[in-house]
Amino acid sequence: MASWPGGISAITLFVEDLDATKKFYLEVFGLPVSFEDDDSAVFKFGNTLVNLLKATAAPELIEPAVVAPREAGARLQFTVSVDDVDARCAELAARGVELLNGPLDRPRGVRTASFMDPGGHIWEIAK
């Protein structure tokens, strides 16, 4: 029997505006859409799929839990490793991305910066 848990194969992010969030991922991450339908758009980050799903389509997946509104505040952060945080921040700024913070040298010896996608999900770049 294979060990459990294995790697994370997919992450589903609930979004209010699928078109704006899909455009953001296309422009900011430069990844192609690997699958889409009327309710979702999927991007492949290495071996992990990130599924952008309309918040209105999410209840059937998580009932009896409820979808929290974007305004409820951040509940997670994704971290992507980069070779040069400062250079990546410059690229993000050129693409119109507003940083939440950074670049910052953290006490643990890591340089980071964070930004938010249109769905309210926080992304950190780190080296």
Protein backbone atom coordinates (compact mmCIF):
# COMPACT_ATOMS: atom_id res chain seq x y z
CA MET A 1 0.00 0.00 0.00
CA ALA A 2 1.32 3.48 -0.91
CA SER A 3 2.15 5.84 1.91
CA TRP A 4 -0.41 8.45 2.82
CA PRO A 5 -0.47 11.33 2.33
CA GLY A 6 1.22 11.72 -1.02
CA GLY A 7 1.81 15.05 -2.73
CA ILE A 8 -0.97 17.58 -3.13
CA SER A 9 -2.39 16.98 -6.59
CA ALA A 10 -4.87 19.86 -6.74
CA ILE A 11 -5.89 22.97 -4.86
CA THR A 12 -9.27 24.57 -5.55
CA LEU A 13 -9.61 28.29 -4.96
CA PHE A 14 -13.08 29.80 -4.83
CA VAL A 15 -13.35 33.07 -6.79
CA GLU A 16 -16.12 35.57 -7.36
CA ASP A 17 -14.87 36.80 -10.75
CA LEU A 18 -13.50 33.87 -12.74
CA ASP A 19 -12.61 35.92 -15.82
CA ALA A 20 -10.59 38.52 -13.88
CA THR A 21 -8.83 35.88 -11.81
CA LYS A 22 -8.02 33.74 -14.86
CA LYS A 23 -6.59 36.82 -16.63
CA PHE A 24 -4.49 37.60 -13.54
CA TYR A 25 -3.02 34.06 -13.49
CA LEU A 26 -2.32 34.17 -17.23
CA GLU A 27 -0.54 37.52 -16.98
CA VAL A 28 1.21 37.19 -13.61
CA PHE A 29 2.34 33.58 -13.68
CA GLY A 30 2.57 33.21 -17.46
CA LEU A 31 1.02 29.75 -17.33
CA PRO A 32 -1.40 28.39 -19.91
CA VAL A 33 -4.87 27.24 -18.91
CA SER A 34 -4.73 23.43 -18.82
CA PHE A 35 -8.52 22.98 -18.55
CA GLU A 36 -11.54 25.25 -18.39
CA ASP A 37 -15.30 25.19 -18.47
CA ASP A 38 -18.04 27.68 -17.57
CA ASP A 39 -17.28 27.41 -13.84
CA SER A 40 -13.52 26.87 -13.63
CA ALA A 41 -10.05 27.40 -15.04
CA VAL A 42 -7.15 25.13 -14.12
CA PHE A 43 -3.45 26.03 -14.10
CA LYS A 44 -0.59 23.59 -13.60
CA PHE A 45 2.06 24.67 -11.07
CA GLY A 46 4.65 21.92 -11.45
CA ASN A 47 2.85 18.76 -10.33
CA THR A 48 0.04 20.65 -8.60
CA LEU A 49 -3.15 21.79 -10.30
CA VAL A 50 -4.64 25.08 -9.13
CA ASN A 51 -8.33 25.11 -9.94
CA LEU A 52 -10.05 28.51 -9.97
CA LEU A 53 -13.70 27.72 -9.30
CA LYS A 54 -16.60 30.15 -9.28
CA ALA A 55 -17.73 30.58 -5.68
CA THR A 56 -21.31 29.92 -6.80
CA ALA A 57 -20.28 26.42 -7.95
CA ALA A 58 -18.37 25.58 -4.76
CA PRO A 59 -21.19 24.70 -2.30
CA GLU A 60 -21.82 21.29 -3.86
CA LEU A 61 -18.18 20.40 -3.17
CA ILE A 62 -18.05 21.48 0.45
CA GLU A 63 -21.59 21.21 1.90
CA PRO A 64 -22.48 21.56 4.72
CA ALA A 65 -19.53 23.99 5.01
CA VAL A 66 -20.05 27.42 3.46
CA VAL A 67 -17.92 29.53 1.14
CA ALA A 68 -16.52 32.54 3.01
CA PRO A 69 -16.61 35.89 1.23
CA ARG A 70 -13.36 37.46 0.04
CA GLU A 71 -13.84 40.23 2.60
CA ALA A 72 -13.63 37.72 5.49
CA GLY A 73 -9.82 38.05 5.43
CA ALA A 74 -6.86 35.90 4.50
CA ARG A 75 -6.86 32.28 5.68
CA LEU A 76 -3.91 30.92 3.68
CA GLN A 77 -0.76 31.81 1.78
CA PHE A 78 0.91 29.97 -1.08
CA THR A 79 4.68 30.26 -1.43
CA VAL A 80 6.53 29.99 -4.74
CA SER A 81 10.33 29.72 -4.78
CA VAL A 82 12.14 32.13 -7.09
CA ASP A 83 15.80 32.77 -7.92
CA ASP A 84 15.66 36.54 -7.29
CA VAL A 85 12.87 38.10 -5.22
CA ASP A 86 13.77 41.68 -6.16
CA ALA A 87 13.83 40.94 -9.90
CA ARG A 88 10.52 39.07 -9.68
CA CYS A 89 8.99 42.01 -7.74
CA ALA A 90 10.06 44.33 -10.56
CA GLU A 91 8.40 41.99 -13.09
CA LEU A 92 5.23 41.87 -11.00
CA ALA A 93 5.12 45.67 -10.75
CA ALA A 94 5.55 45.92 -14.54
CA ARG A 95 2.49 43.65 -14.86
CA GLY A 96 0.45 45.92 -12.59
CA VAL A 97 0.61 43.73 -9.48
CA GLU A 98 0.53 45.63 -6.19
CA LEU A 99 2.66 44.06 -3.47
CA LEU A 100 1.20 43.62 -0.01
CA ASN A 101 4.72 43.67 1.43
CA GLY A 102 8.35 43.22 0.52
CA PRO A 103 10.83 42.54 -0.60
CA LEU A 104 11.75 41.83 3.02
CA ASP A 105 14.56 39.91 4.70
CA ARG A 106 12.87 37.59 7.20
CA PRO A 107 14.53 36.43 10.46
CA ARG A 108 14.66 32.85 9.16
CA GLY A 109 17.14 33.94 6.45
CA VAL A 110 14.63 34.11 3.62
CA ARG A 111 13.82 37.11 1.40
CA THR A 112 10.12 37.38 0.59
CA ALA A 113 7.36 39.51 -0.93
CA SER A 114 3.61 38.94 -1.00
CA PHE A 115 0.71 39.89 -3.29
CA MET A 116 -2.98 39.05 -3.58
CA ASP A 117 -4.92 37.63 -6.52
CA PRO A 118 -8.37 39.02 -7.43
CA GLY A 119 -10.03 36.27 -5.36
CA GLY A 120 -8.23 37.43 -2.20
CA HIS A 121 -5.71 34.56 -2.09
CA ILE A 122 -2.23 35.54 -0.87
CA TRP A 123 0.85 34.51 -2.85
CA GLU A 124 4.39 34.83 -1.50
CA ILE A 125 7.57 34.66 -3.51
CA ALA A 126 10.65 33.60 -1.59
CA LYS A 127 14.34 32.81 -1.93
